[in-house]
Amino acid sequence: MSFALVPVAEAALFTFGCVMIHALRRHADVVTATLACLVTLLVLMIGIACAPESFAKYQAASIGDFAQLEPATY
């Protein structure tokens, strides 16, 4: 896609969203709940993307990676 088409595509998507919200104004409670869920998911995705360390490192970890256990204690 050409760089000149990106702003046009963004404007078209924004306009389409406005048209859909306007068309569904009779169902404002459903539209509001849907938009709130989408914003929540977006915030979670941004939070995960900005996390300082990878979560995969901790999923594959064992107790020995975080604590040093004495052999006499177990």
N, C-alpha and C. Protein backbone atom coordinates (compact mmCIF):
# COMPACT_ATOMS: atom_id res chain seq x y z
N MET A 1 0.85 -1.17 0.00
CA MET A 1 0.00 0.00 0.00
C MET A 1 0.90 1.23 0.00
N SER A 2 0.57 2.15 -0.80
CA SER A 2 1.34 3.38 -0.91
C SER A 2 1.13 4.23 0.34
N PHE A 3 2.16 5.05 0.65
CA PHE A 3 2.05 5.91 1.83
C PHE A 3 0.96 6.97 1.63
N ALA A 4 0.63 7.30 0.41
CA ALA A 4 -0.41 8.29 0.16
C ALA A 4 -1.80 7.71 0.45
N LEU A 5 -1.93 6.40 0.39
CA LEU A 5 -3.23 5.78 0.64
C LEU A 5 -3.51 5.53 2.12
N VAL A 6 -2.49 5.55 2.95
CA VAL A 6 -2.69 5.28 4.38
C VAL A 6 -3.61 6.31 5.03
N PRO A 7 -3.38 7.62 4.84
CA PRO A 7 -4.32 8.58 5.45
C PRO A 7 -5.74 8.45 4.91
N VAL A 8 -5.88 8.11 3.65
CA VAL A 8 -7.21 7.94 3.05
C VAL A 8 -7.90 6.73 3.67
N ALA A 9 -7.16 5.65 3.86
CA ALA A 9 -7.73 4.45 4.48
C ALA A 9 -8.12 4.72 5.94
N GLU A 10 -7.28 5.46 6.66
CA GLU A 10 -7.62 5.80 8.04
C GLU A 10 -8.87 6.67 8.11
N ALA A 11 -8.97 7.64 7.22
CA ALA A 11 -10.15 8.51 7.20
C ALA A 11 -11.40 7.72 6.84
N ALA A 12 -11.27 6.79 5.90
CA ALA A 12 -12.41 5.98 5.50
C ALA A 12 -12.86 5.08 6.66
N LEU A 13 -11.91 4.50 7.38
CA LEU A 13 -12.25 3.64 8.52
C LEU A 13 -12.91 4.46 9.63
N PHE A 14 -12.39 5.64 9.90
CA PHE A 14 -12.99 6.52 10.91
C PHE A 14 -14.41 6.89 10.53
N THR A 15 -14.61 7.27 9.25
CA THR A 15 -15.94 7.65 8.77
C THR A 15 -16.90 6.47 8.85
N PHE A 16 -16.43 5.28 8.50
CA PHE A 16 -17.26 4.08 8.58
C PHE A 16 -17.68 3.83 10.03
N GLY A 17 -16.75 4.01 10.97
CA GLY A 17 -17.08 3.83 12.38
C GLY A 17 -18.13 4.83 12.85
N CYS A 18 -17.98 6.08 12.40
CA CYS A 18 -18.97 7.11 12.77
C CYS A 18 -20.35 6.78 12.20
N VAL A 19 -20.37 6.29 10.97
CA VAL A 19 -21.65 5.92 10.33
C VAL A 19 -22.29 4.76 11.09
N MET A 20 -21.49 3.79 11.50
CA MET A 20 -22.05 2.65 12.24
C MET A 20 -22.59 3.09 13.61
N ILE A 21 -21.85 3.94 14.29
CA ILE A 21 -22.34 4.43 15.59
C ILE A 21 -23.63 5.23 15.41
N HIS A 22 -23.66 6.03 14.37
CA HIS A 22 -24.88 6.82 14.10
C HIS A 22 -26.05 5.90 13.74
N ALA A 23 -25.79 4.86 12.97
CA ALA A 23 -26.86 3.94 12.58
C ALA A 23 -27.39 3.14 13.77
N LEU A 24 -26.54 2.90 14.75
CA LEU A 24 -26.94 2.11 15.92
C LEU A 24 -27.27 2.98 17.13
N ARG A 25 -27.62 4.22 16.92
CA ARG A 25 -27.87 5.12 18.05
C ARG A 25 -29.09 4.70 18.86
N ARG A 26 -29.98 3.91 18.29
CA ARG A 26 -31.13 3.41 19.06
C ARG A 26 -30.72 2.36 20.08
N HIS A 27 -29.54 1.77 19.85
CA HIS A 27 -29.01 0.75 20.75
C HIS A 27 -27.76 1.30 21.45
N ALA A 28 -27.91 2.47 22.03
CA ALA A 28 -26.77 3.17 22.62
C ALA A 28 -26.11 2.37 23.73
N ASP A 29 -26.89 1.64 24.52
CA ASP A 29 -26.30 0.88 25.61
C ASP A 29 -25.40 -0.24 25.10
N VAL A 30 -25.80 -0.90 24.01
CA VAL A 30 -24.98 -1.96 23.43
C VAL A 30 -23.71 -1.37 22.81
N VAL A 31 -23.86 -0.26 22.11
CA VAL A 31 -22.70 0.40 21.49
C VAL A 31 -21.72 0.85 22.56
N THR A 32 -22.22 1.41 23.64
CA THR A 32 -21.36 1.88 24.73
C THR A 32 -20.61 0.71 25.37
N ALA A 33 -21.31 -0.37 25.64
CA ALA A 33 -20.66 -1.54 26.24
C ALA A 33 -19.61 -2.13 25.31
N THR A 34 -19.91 -2.20 24.02
CA THR A 34 -18.96 -2.73 23.05
C THR A 34 -17.72 -1.86 22.96
N LEU A 35 -17.91 -0.55 22.89
CA LEU A 35 -16.76 0.35 22.83
C LEU A 35 -15.94 0.30 24.12
N ALA A 36 -16.59 0.16 25.25
CA ALA A 36 -15.87 0.05 26.52
C ALA A 36 -15.03 -1.23 26.55
N CYS A 37 -15.57 -2.32 26.06
CA CYS A 37 -14.80 -3.57 26.00
C CYS A 37 -13.61 -3.44 25.05
N LEU A 38 -13.81 -2.82 23.92
CA LEU A 38 -12.71 -2.63 22.98
C LEU A 38 -11.61 -1.74 23.55
N VAL A 39 -11.99 -0.70 24.25
CA VAL A 39 -10.99 0.17 24.88
C VAL A 39 -10.23 -0.59 25.96
N THR A 40 -10.94 -1.41 26.74
CA THR A 40 -10.29 -2.20 27.77
C THR A 40 -9.28 -3.17 27.16
N LEU A 41 -9.67 -3.85 26.09
CA LEU A 41 -8.75 -4.76 25.41
C LEU A 41 -7.55 -4.02 24.84
N LEU A 42 -7.78 -2.84 24.29
CA LEU A 42 -6.68 -2.04 23.74
C LEU A 42 -5.70 -1.63 24.84
N VAL A 43 -6.21 -1.22 25.99
CA VAL A 43 -5.35 -0.84 27.11
C VAL A 43 -4.55 -2.04 27.60
N LEU A 44 -5.18 -3.21 27.68
CA LEU A 44 -4.46 -4.42 28.09
C LEU A 44 -3.38 -4.80 27.09
N MET A 45 -3.68 -4.70 25.80
CA MET A 45 -2.69 -5.02 24.78
C MET A 45 -1.51 -4.06 24.84
N ILE A 46 -1.77 -2.78 25.05
CA ILE A 46 -0.69 -1.81 25.15
C ILE A 46 0.13 -2.07 26.42
N GLY A 47 -0.53 -2.40 27.50
CA GLY A 47 0.19 -2.71 28.73
C GLY A 47 1.08 -3.93 28.60
N ILE A 48 0.60 -4.96 27.94
CA ILE A 48 1.41 -6.16 27.73
C ILE A 48 2.57 -5.86 26.78
N ALA A 49 2.31 -5.08 25.75
CA ALA A 49 3.36 -4.76 24.79
C ALA A 49 4.45 -3.89 25.42
N CYS A 50 4.11 -3.09 26.41
CA CYS A 50 5.08 -2.20 27.06
C CYS A 50 5.68 -2.82 28.31
N ALA A 51 5.38 -4.06 28.59
CA ALA A 51 5.93 -4.72 29.78
C ALA A 51 7.45 -4.81 29.63
N PRO A 52 8.18 -4.63 30.73
CA PRO A 52 9.63 -4.60 30.62
C PRO A 52 10.28 -5.94 30.29
N GLU A 53 9.67 -7.04 30.67
CA GLU A 53 10.25 -8.35 30.42
C GLU A 53 9.21 -9.28 29.80
N SER A 54 9.70 -10.28 29.14
CA SER A 54 8.82 -11.23 28.49
C SER A 54 8.15 -12.14 29.52
N PHE A 55 6.86 -12.39 29.34
CA PHE A 55 6.14 -13.30 30.23
C PHE A 55 6.49 -14.75 29.95
N ALA A 56 6.98 -15.05 28.76
CA ALA A 56 7.34 -16.42 28.41
C ALA A 56 8.47 -16.93 29.30
N LYS A 57 9.33 -16.03 29.74
CA LYS A 57 10.44 -16.41 30.61
C LYS A 57 9.92 -16.98 31.92
N TYR A 58 8.84 -16.42 32.43
CA TYR A 58 8.30 -16.86 33.71
C TYR A 58 7.38 -18.08 33.56
N GLN A 59 6.82 -18.30 32.39
CA GLN A 59 5.95 -19.45 32.19
C GLN A 59 6.74 -20.75 32.21
N ALA A 60 7.96 -20.71 31.71
CA ALA A 60 8.78 -21.92 31.64
C ALA A 60 9.71 -22.05 32.84
N ALA A 61 9.61 -21.18 33.81
CA ALA A 61 10.53 -21.17 34.94
C ALA A 61 10.12 -22.21 35.99
N SER A 62 11.09 -22.64 36.75
CA SER A 62 10.84 -23.54 37.87
C SER A 62 11.14 -22.79 39.17
N ILE A 63 10.86 -23.42 40.30
CA ILE A 63 11.08 -22.76 41.59
C ILE A 63 12.56 -22.50 41.81
N GLY A 64 13.42 -23.32 41.25
CA GLY A 64 14.86 -23.14 41.42
C GLY A 64 15.40 -21.90 40.74
N ASP A 65 14.66 -21.36 39.78
CA ASP A 65 15.10 -20.15 39.10
C ASP A 65 14.93 -18.91 39.97
N PHE A 66 14.05 -18.96 40.95
CA PHE A 66 13.74 -17.79 41.75
C PHE A 66 14.22 -17.91 43.21
N ALA A 67 14.43 -19.12 43.68
CA ALA A 67 14.83 -19.31 45.07
C ALA A 67 15.94 -20.35 45.11
N GLN A 68 16.84 -20.14 46.03
CA GLN A 68 17.92 -21.10 46.21
C GLN A 68 17.56 -21.97 47.41
N LEU A 69 17.30 -23.25 47.16
CA LEU A 69 16.86 -24.15 48.22
C LEU A 69 18.03 -24.96 48.74
N GLU A 70 18.07 -25.13 50.03
CA GLU A 70 19.10 -25.95 50.65
C GLU A 70 18.71 -27.42 50.51
N PRO A 71 19.63 -28.28 50.17
CA PRO A 71 19.29 -29.72 50.04
C PRO A 71 18.75 -30.33 51.32
N ALA A 72 19.12 -29.80 52.47
CA ALA A 72 18.67 -30.37 53.74
C ALA A 72 17.21 -30.04 54.05
N THR A 73 16.62 -29.09 53.34
CA THR A 73 15.25 -28.70 53.66
C THR A 73 14.19 -29.52 52.95
N TYR A 74 14.59 -30.34 52.02
CA TYR A 74 13.58 -31.15 51.34
C TYR A 74 13.96 -32.56 51.18
